[in-house]
């Protein structure tokens, strides 16, 4: 199986590249994206666990985010809503 990436160059010609070649050439950029999102993804997993706990308690208001956890959620929301 071969995966390809299509795009357009500066003169608007369509280009096709084998995916692994594109990854090798842009590995630094991919690594930067992964590092940027690593903290967010970890938080997102913690939020999913908190949501499951909230649902398991029949949506008990006492299980909702508050304090620092709520502030962190608001901060992440504002950052992501800008994207």
PDB file of N, CA and C in Angstrom:
ATOM      1  N   UNK A   1       0.840  -1.171   0.000  1.00  0.00           N
ATOM      2  CA  UNK A   1       0.000   0.000   0.000  1.00  0.00           C
ATOM      3  C   UNK A   1       0.889   1.240   0.000  1.00  0.00           C
ATOM      4  N   UNK A   2       0.583   2.165  -0.855  1.00  0.00           N
ATOM      5  CA  UNK A   2       1.329   3.415  -0.944  1.00  0.00           C
ATOM      6  C   UNK A   2       0.357   4.551  -0.705  1.00  0.00           C
ATOM      7  N   UNK A   3       0.715   5.438   0.205  1.00  0.00           N
ATOM      8  CA  UNK A   3      -0.092   6.618   0.465  1.00  0.00           C
ATOM      9  C   UNK A   3       0.560   7.815  -0.199  1.00  0.00           C
ATOM     10  N   UNK A   4      -0.246   8.694  -0.738  1.00  0.00           N
ATOM     11  CA  UNK A   4       0.284   9.873  -1.402  1.00  0.00           C
ATOM     12  C   UNK A   4      -0.377  11.138  -0.851  1.00  0.00           C
ATOM     13  N   UNK A   5       0.338  12.243  -0.995  1.00  0.00           N
ATOM     14  CA  UNK A   5      -0.155  13.557  -0.605  1.00  0.00           C
ATOM     15  C   UNK A   5      -0.233  14.399  -1.865  1.00  0.00           C
ATOM     16  N   UNK A   6      -1.364  15.067  -2.057  1.00  0.00           N
ATOM     17  CA  UNK A   6      -1.477  15.963  -3.203  1.00  0.00           C
ATOM     18  C   UNK A   6      -1.519  17.393  -2.684  1.00  0.00           C
ATOM     19  N   UNK A   7      -0.949  18.286  -3.466  1.00  0.00           N
ATOM     20  CA  UNK A   7      -0.964  19.704  -3.116  1.00  0.00           C
ATOM     21  C   UNK A   7      -0.722  20.506  -4.377  1.00  0.00           C
ATOM     22  N   UNK A   8      -0.560  21.791  -4.228  1.00  0.00           N
ATOM     23  CA  UNK A   8      -0.248  22.666  -5.361  1.00  0.00           C
ATOM     24  C   UNK A   8       1.001  23.456  -5.014  1.00  0.00           C
ATOM     25  N   UNK A   9       1.872  23.605  -6.002  1.00  0.00           N
ATOM     26  CA  UNK A   9       3.100  24.368  -5.771  1.00  0.00           C
ATOM     27  C   UNK A   9       2.832  25.856  -5.995  1.00  0.00           C
ATOM     28  N   UNK A  10       3.895  26.664  -5.932  1.00  0.00           N
ATOM     29  CA  UNK A  10       3.752  28.127  -6.048  1.00  0.00           C
ATOM     30  C   UNK A  10       3.118  28.555  -7.368  1.00  0.00           C
ATOM     31  N   UNK A  11       3.332  27.785  -8.430  1.00  0.00           N
ATOM     32  CA  UNK A  11       2.739  28.140  -9.723  1.00  0.00           C
ATOM     33  C   UNK A  11       1.396  27.435  -9.936  1.00  0.00           C
ATOM     34  N   UNK A  12       0.802  26.928  -8.852  1.00  0.00           N
ATOM     35  CA  UNK A  12      -0.521  26.303  -8.844  1.00  0.00           C
ATOM     36  C   UNK A  12      -0.590  25.006  -9.636  1.00  0.00           C
ATOM     37  N   UNK A  13       0.540  24.363  -9.828  1.00  0.00           N
ATOM     38  CA  UNK A  13       0.541  23.045 -10.456  1.00  0.00           C
ATOM     39  C   UNK A  13       0.293  22.013  -9.369  1.00  0.00           C
ATOM     40  N   UNK A  14      -0.532  21.036  -9.678  1.00  0.00           N
ATOM     41  CA  UNK A  14      -0.799  19.987  -8.694  1.00  0.00           C
ATOM     42  C   UNK A  14       0.429  19.088  -8.585  1.00  0.00           C
ATOM     43  N   UNK A  15       0.785  18.771  -7.341  1.00  0.00           N
ATOM     44  CA  UNK A  15       1.918  17.880  -7.097  1.00  0.00           C
ATOM     45  C   UNK A  15       1.433  16.669  -6.316  1.00  0.00           C
ATOM     46  N   UNK A  16       2.136  15.557  -6.476  1.00  0.00           N
ATOM     47  CA  UNK A  16       1.829  14.324  -5.762  1.00  0.00           C
ATOM     48  C   UNK A  16       3.138  13.806  -5.184  1.00  0.00           C
ATOM     49  N   UNK A  17       3.122  13.471  -3.877  1.00  0.00           N
ATOM     50  CA  UNK A  17       4.309  12.946  -3.232  1.00  0.00           C
ATOM     51  C   UNK A  17       3.950  11.674  -2.474  1.00  0.00           C
ATOM     52  N   UNK A  18       4.881  10.751  -2.434  1.00  0.00           N
ATOM     53  CA  UNK A  18       4.711   9.575  -1.591  1.00  0.00           C
ATOM     54  C   UNK A  18       4.778  10.069  -0.150  1.00  0.00           C
ATOM     55  N   UNK A  19       3.872   9.613   0.701  1.00  0.00           N
ATOM     56  CA  UNK A  19       3.747  10.155   2.048  1.00  0.00           C
ATOM     57  C   UNK A  19       5.041  10.079   2.829  1.00  0.00           C
ATOM     58  N   UNK A  20       5.731   8.971   2.790  1.00  0.00           N
ATOM     59  CA  UNK A  20       6.926   8.873   3.625  1.00  0.00           C
ATOM     60  C   UNK A  20       7.973   9.899   3.214  1.00  0.00           C
ATOM     61  N   UNK A  21       8.044  10.262   1.946  1.00  0.00           N
ATOM     62  CA  UNK A  21       8.983  11.299   1.516  1.00  0.00           C
ATOM     63  C   UNK A  21       8.572  12.662   2.073  1.00  0.00           C
ATOM     64  N   UNK A  22       7.288  12.944   2.065  1.00  0.00           N
ATOM     65  CA  UNK A  22       6.802  14.202   2.616  1.00  0.00           C
ATOM     66  C   UNK A  22       7.071  14.257   4.118  1.00  0.00           C
ATOM     67  N   UNK A  23       6.885  13.149   4.819  1.00  0.00           N
ATOM     68  CA  UNK A  23       7.145  13.115   6.261  1.00  0.00           C
ATOM     69  C   UNK A  23       8.621  13.330   6.570  1.00  0.00           C
ATOM     70  N   UNK A  24       9.485  12.687   5.812  1.00  0.00           N
ATOM     71  CA  UNK A  24      10.920  12.837   6.039  1.00  0.00           C
ATOM     72  C   UNK A  24      11.335  14.284   5.832  1.00  0.00           C
ATOM     73  N   UNK A  25      10.866  14.883   4.762  1.00  0.00           N
ATOM     74  CA  UNK A  25      11.251  16.249   4.430  1.00  0.00           C
ATOM     75  C   UNK A  25      10.709  17.259   5.451  1.00  0.00           C
ATOM     76  N   UNK A  26       9.538  16.993   6.023  1.00  0.00           N
ATOM     77  CA  UNK A  26       8.899  17.934   6.945  1.00  0.00           C
ATOM     78  C   UNK A  26       8.857  17.412   8.377  1.00  0.00           C
ATOM     79  N   UNK A  27       9.745  16.496   8.730  1.00  0.00           N
ATOM     80  CA  UNK A  27       9.723  15.871  10.045  1.00  0.00           C
ATOM     81  C   UNK A  27       9.812  16.896  11.182  1.00  0.00           C
ATOM     82  N   UNK A  28      10.643  17.911  11.014  1.00  0.00           N
ATOM     83  CA  UNK A  28      10.774  18.940  12.040  1.00  0.00           C
ATOM     84  C   UNK A  28       9.459  19.657  12.287  1.00  0.00           C
ATOM     85  N   UNK A  29       8.751  19.953  11.234  1.00  0.00           N
ATOM     86  CA  UNK A  29       7.456  20.624  11.366  1.00  0.00           C
ATOM     87  C   UNK A  29       6.453  19.706  12.061  1.00  0.00           C
ATOM     88  N   UNK A  30       6.431  18.436  11.684  1.00  0.00           N
ATOM     89  CA  UNK A  30       5.529  17.478  12.319  1.00  0.00           C
ATOM     90  C   UNK A  30       5.853  17.356  13.808  1.00  0.00           C
ATOM     91  N   UNK A  31       7.122  17.278  14.140  1.00  0.00           N
ATOM     92  CA  UNK A  31       7.537  17.176  15.542  1.00  0.00           C
ATOM     93  C   UNK A  31       7.098  18.416  16.331  1.00  0.00           C
ATOM     94  N   UNK A  32       7.225  19.582  15.727  1.00  0.00           N
ATOM     95  CA  UNK A  32       6.799  20.818  16.393  1.00  0.00           C
ATOM     96  C   UNK A  32       5.295  20.793  16.657  1.00  0.00           C
ATOM     97  N   UNK A  33       4.512  20.346  15.683  1.00  0.00           N
ATOM     98  CA  UNK A  33       3.066  20.254  15.883  1.00  0.00           C
ATOM     99  C   UNK A  33       2.736  19.278  17.013  1.00  0.00           C
ATOM    100  N   UNK A  34       3.416  18.140  17.018  1.00  0.00           N
ATOM    101  CA  UNK A  34       3.157  17.133  18.045  1.00  0.00           C
ATOM    102  C   UNK A  34       3.511  17.669  19.429  1.00  0.00           C
ATOM    103  N   UNK A  35       4.628  18.360  19.548  1.00  0.00           N
ATOM    104  CA  UNK A  35       5.034  18.911  20.839  1.00  0.00           C
ATOM    105  C   UNK A  35       4.062  19.979  21.310  1.00  0.00           C
ATOM    106  N   UNK A  36       3.598  20.800  20.393  1.00  0.00           N
ATOM    107  CA  UNK A  36       2.645  21.848  20.739  1.00  0.00           C
ATOM    108  C   UNK A  36       1.357  21.241  21.268  1.00  0.00           C
ATOM    109  N   UNK A  37       0.903  20.177  20.664  1.00  0.00           N
ATOM    110  CA  UNK A  37      -0.366  19.569  21.042  1.00  0.00           C
ATOM    111  C   UNK A  37      -0.253  18.549  22.175  1.00  0.00           C
ATOM    112  N   UNK A  38       0.943  18.146  22.552  1.00  0.00           N
ATOM    113  CA  UNK A  38       1.110  17.106  23.570  1.00  0.00           C
ATOM    114  C   UNK A  38       0.448  17.503  24.894  1.00  0.00           C
ATOM    115  N   UNK A  39       0.688  18.712  25.350  1.00  0.00           N
ATOM    116  CA  UNK A  39       0.111  19.178  26.616  1.00  0.00           C
ATOM    117  C   UNK A  39      -1.410  19.238  26.501  1.00  0.00           C
ATOM    118  N   UNK A  40      -1.894  19.753  25.377  1.00  0.00           N
ATOM    119  CA  UNK A  40      -3.339  19.828  25.178  1.00  0.00           C
ATOM    120  C   UNK A  40      -3.964  18.443  25.150  1.00  0.00           C
ATOM    121  N   UNK A  41      -3.346  17.527  24.445  1.00  0.00           N
ATOM    122  CA  UNK A  41      -3.902  16.168  24.339  1.00  0.00           C
ATOM    123  C   UNK A  41      -3.945  15.486  25.704  1.00  0.00           C
ATOM    124  N   UNK A  42      -2.928  15.684  26.525  1.00  0.00           N
ATOM    125  CA  UNK A  42      -2.923  15.104  27.868  1.00  0.00           C
ATOM    126  C   UNK A  42      -4.078  15.681  28.685  1.00  0.00           C
ATOM    127  N   UNK A  43      -4.271  16.996  28.603  1.00  0.00           N
ATOM    128  CA  UNK A  43      -5.385  17.627  29.304  1.00  0.00           C
ATOM    129  C   UNK A  43      -6.716  17.096  28.777  1.00  0.00           C
ATOM    130  N   UNK A  44      -6.808  16.938  27.475  1.00  0.00           N
ATOM    131  CA  UNK A  44      -8.038  16.456  26.855  1.00  0.00           C
ATOM    132  C   UNK A  44      -8.401  15.060  27.385  1.00  0.00           C
ATOM    133  N   UNK A  45      -7.416  14.207  27.569  1.00  0.00           N
ATOM    134  CA  UNK A  45      -7.671  12.874  28.114  1.00  0.00           C
ATOM    135  C   UNK A  45      -8.157  12.964  29.560  1.00  0.00           C
ATOM    136  N   UNK A  46      -7.568  13.862  30.345  1.00  0.00           N
ATOM    137  CA  UNK A  46      -8.031  14.047  31.727  1.00  0.00           C
ATOM    138  C   UNK A  46      -9.473  14.557  31.737  1.00  0.00           C
ATOM    139  N   UNK A  47      -9.800  15.455  30.814  1.00  0.00           N
ATOM    140  CA  UNK A  47     -11.157  15.982  30.723  1.00  0.00           C
ATOM    141  C   UNK A  47     -12.148  14.877  30.350  1.00  0.00           C
ATOM    142  N   UNK A  48     -11.757  14.012  29.432  1.00  0.00           N
ATOM    143  CA  UNK A  48     -12.634  12.895  29.056  1.00  0.00           C
ATOM    144  C   UNK A  48     -12.911  11.994  30.260  1.00  0.00           C
ATOM    145  N   UNK A  49     -11.881  11.738  31.065  1.00  0.00           N
ATOM    146  CA  UNK A  49     -12.057  10.913  32.263  1.00  0.00           C
ATOM    147  C   UNK A  49     -13.001  11.596  33.250  1.00  0.00           C
ATOM    148  N   UNK A  50     -12.858  12.914  33.415  1.00  0.00           N
ATOM    149  CA  UNK A  50     -13.740  13.661  34.311  1.00  0.00           C
ATOM    150  C   UNK A  50     -15.179  13.624  33.796  1.00  0.00           C
ATOM    151  N   UNK A  51     -15.343  13.702  32.489  1.00  0.00           N
ATOM    152  CA  UNK A  51     -16.682  13.653  31.898  1.00  0.00           C
ATOM    153  C   UNK A  51     -17.324  12.294  32.153  1.00  0.00           C
ATOM    154  N   UNK A  52     -16.549  11.233  32.004  1.00  0.00           N
ATOM    155  CA  UNK A  52     -17.086   9.891  32.263  1.00  0.00           C
ATOM    156  C   UNK A  52     -17.502   9.752  33.723  1.00  0.00           C
ATOM    157  N   UNK A  53     -16.696  10.314  34.618  1.00  0.00           N
ATOM    158  CA  UNK A  53     -17.036  10.258  36.041  1.00  0.00           C
ATOM    159  C   UNK A  53     -18.332  11.036  36.297  1.00  0.00           C
ATOM    160  N   UNK A  54     -18.465  12.206  35.702  1.00  0.00           N
ATOM    161  CA  UNK A  54     -19.665  13.026  35.845  1.00  0.00           C
ATOM    162  C   UNK A  54     -20.891  12.261  35.349  1.00  0.00           C
ATOM    163  N   UNK A  55     -20.755  11.600  34.200  1.00  0.00           N
ATOM    164  CA  UNK A  55     -21.861  10.818  33.655  1.00  0.00           C
ATOM    165  C   UNK A  55     -22.186   9.623  34.550  1.00  0.00           C
ATOM    166  N   UNK A  56     -21.141   9.008  35.132  1.00  0.00           N
ATOM    167  CA  UNK A  56     -21.347   7.853  36.015  1.00  0.00           C
ATOM    168  C   UNK A  56     -22.067   8.235  37.298  1.00  0.00           C
ATOM    169  N   UNK A  57     -22.000   9.497  37.686  1.00  0.00           N
ATOM    170  CA  UNK A  57     -22.683   9.964  38.889  1.00  0.00           C
ATOM    171  C   UNK A  57     -24.020  10.614  38.540  1.00  0.00           C
ATOM    172  N   UNK A  58     -24.570  10.209  37.406  1.00  0.00           N
ATOM    173  CA  UNK A  58     -25.850  10.752  36.929  1.00  0.00           C
ATOM    174  C   UNK A  58     -25.830  12.274  36.826  1.00  0.00           C
ATOM    175  N   UNK A  59     -24.703  12.780  36.329  1.00  0.00           N
ATOM    176  CA  UNK A  59     -24.517  14.216  36.076  1.00  0.00           C
ATOM    177  C   UNK A  59     -24.699  15.054  37.345  1.00  0.00           C
ATOM    178  N   UNK A  60     -24.132  14.542  38.407  1.00  0.00           N
ATOM    179  CA  UNK A  60     -24.177  15.232  39.694  1.00  0.00           C
ATOM    180  C   UNK A  60     -23.449  16.567  39.590  1.00  0.00           C
ATOM    181  N   UNK A  61     -24.095  17.683  39.931  1.00  0.00           N
ATOM    182  CA  UNK A  61     -23.451  18.989  39.859  1.00  0.00           C
ATOM    183  C   UNK A  61     -22.167  19.072  40.682  1.00  0.00           C
ATOM    184  N   UNK A  62     -22.065  18.269  41.720  1.00  0.00           N
ATOM    185  CA  UNK A  62     -20.855  18.251  42.537  1.00  0.00           C
ATOM    186  C   UNK A  62     -19.654  17.685  41.803  1.00  0.00           C
ATOM    187  N   UNK A  63     -19.888  16.995  40.691  1.00  0.00           N
ATOM    188  CA  UNK A  63     -18.793  16.415  39.911  1.00  0.00           C
ATOM    189  C   UNK A  63     -18.314  17.319  38.784  1.00  0.00           C
ATOM    190  N   UNK A  64     -18.931  18.492  38.659  1.00  0.00           N
ATOM    191  CA  UNK A  64     -18.526  19.419  37.597  1.00  0.00           C
ATOM    192  C   UNK A  64     -17.170  20.045  37.902  1.00  0.00           C
ATOM    193  N   UNK A  65     -16.493  20.496  36.857  1.00  0.00           N
ATOM    194  CA  UNK A  65     -15.214  21.177  37.031  1.00  0.00           C
ATOM    195  C   UNK A  65     -15.415  22.458  37.822  1.00  0.00           C
ATOM    196  N   UNK A  66     -14.452  22.753  38.676  1.00  0.00           N
ATOM    197  CA  UNK A  66     -14.477  24.023  39.406  1.00  0.00           C
ATOM    198  C   UNK A  66     -13.049  24.377  39.769  1.00  0.00           C
ATOM    199  N   UNK A  67     -12.855  25.587  40.219  1.00  0.00           N
ATOM    200  CA  UNK A  67     -11.534  26.033  40.656  1.00  0.00           C
ATOM    201  C   UNK A  67     -10.515  26.016  39.533  1.00  0.00           C
ATOM    202  N   UNK A  68      -9.322  25.494  39.838  1.00  0.00           N
ATOM    203  CA  UNK A  68      -8.218  25.467  38.870  1.00  0.00           C
ATOM    204  C   UNK A  68      -8.557  24.634  37.638  1.00  0.00           C
ATOM    205  N   UNK A  69      -9.276  23.530  37.827  1.00  0.00           N
ATOM    206  CA  UNK A  69      -9.641  22.675  36.689  1.00  0.00           C
ATOM    207  C   UNK A  69     -10.567  23.415  35.730  1.00  0.00           C
ATOM    208  N   UNK A  70     -11.495  24.181  36.273  1.00  0.00           N
ATOM    209  CA  UNK A  70     -12.405  24.968  35.426  1.00  0.00           C
ATOM    210  C   UNK A  70     -11.647  26.091  34.718  1.00  0.00           C
ATOM    211  N   UNK A  71     -10.744  26.739  35.428  1.00  0.00           N
ATOM    212  CA  UNK A  71      -9.943  27.807  34.814  1.00  0.00           C
ATOM    213  C   UNK A  71      -9.097  27.257  33.674  1.00  0.00           C
ATOM    214  N   UNK A  72      -8.520  26.070  33.868  1.00  0.00           N
ATOM    215  CA  UNK A  72      -7.716  25.438  32.815  1.00  0.00           C
ATOM    216  C   UNK A  72      -8.587  25.114  31.600  1.00  0.00           C
ATOM    217  N   UNK A  73      -9.793  24.628  31.841  1.00  0.00           N
ATOM    218  CA  UNK A  73     -10.707  24.309  30.741  1.00  0.00           C
ATOM    219  C   UNK A  73     -11.071  25.565  29.959  1.00  0.00           C
ATOM    220  N   UNK A  74     -11.349  26.647  30.677  1.00  0.00           N
ATOM    221  CA  UNK A  74     -11.677  27.914  30.002  1.00  0.00           C
ATOM    222  C   UNK A  74     -10.502  28.418  29.172  1.00  0.00           C
ATOM    223  N   UNK A  75      -9.299  28.295  29.716  1.00  0.00           N
ATOM    224  CA  UNK A  75      -8.107  28.732  28.980  1.00  0.00           C
ATOM    225  C   UNK A  75      -7.906  27.905  27.713  1.00  0.00           C
ATOM    226  N   UNK A  76      -8.031  26.582  27.836  1.00  0.00           N
ATOM    227  CA  UNK A  76      -7.890  25.723  26.657  1.00  0.00           C
ATOM    228  C   UNK A  76      -8.981  26.006  25.638  1.00  0.00           C
ATOM    229  N   UNK A  77     -10.191  26.257  26.097  1.00  0.00           N
ATOM    230  CA  UNK A  77     -11.284  26.577  25.170  1.00  0.00           C
ATOM    231  C   UNK A  77     -10.978  27.852  24.390  1.00  0.00           C
ATOM    232  N   UNK A  78     -10.501  28.882  25.106  1.00  0.00           N
ATOM    233  CA  UNK A  78     -10.226  30.156  24.423  1.00  0.00           C
ATOM    234  C   UNK A  78      -9.086  30.002  23.414  1.00  0.00           C
ATOM    235  N   UNK A  79      -8.086  29.217  23.739  1.00  0.00           N
ATOM    236  CA  UNK A  79      -6.979  28.978  22.787  1.00  0.00           C
ATOM    237  C   UNK A  79      -7.444  28.221  21.574  1.00  0.00           C
ATOM    238  N   UNK A  80      -8.247  27.197  21.765  1.00  0.00           N
ATOM    239  CA  UNK A  80      -8.694  26.361  20.652  1.00  0.00           C
ATOM    240  C   UNK A  80      -9.770  27.023  19.818  1.00  0.00           C
ATOM    241  N   UNK A  81     -10.578  27.882  20.415  1.00  0.00           N
ATOM    242  CA  UNK A  81     -11.644  28.521  19.636  1.00  0.00           C
ATOM    243  C   UNK A  81     -11.070  29.560  18.681  1.00  0.00           C
ATOM    244  N   UNK A  82      -9.831  29.988  18.915  1.00  0.00           N
ATOM    245  CA  UNK A  82      -9.181  30.935  18.009  1.00  0.00           C
ATOM    246  C   UNK A  82      -8.637  30.265  16.775  1.00  0.00           C
ATOM    247  N   UNK A  83      -8.415  28.965  16.832  1.00  0.00           N
ATOM    248  CA  UNK A  83      -7.808  28.226  15.726  1.00  0.00           C
ATOM    249  C   UNK A  83      -8.783  27.988  14.619  1.00  0.00           C
TER     250      UNK A  83
END
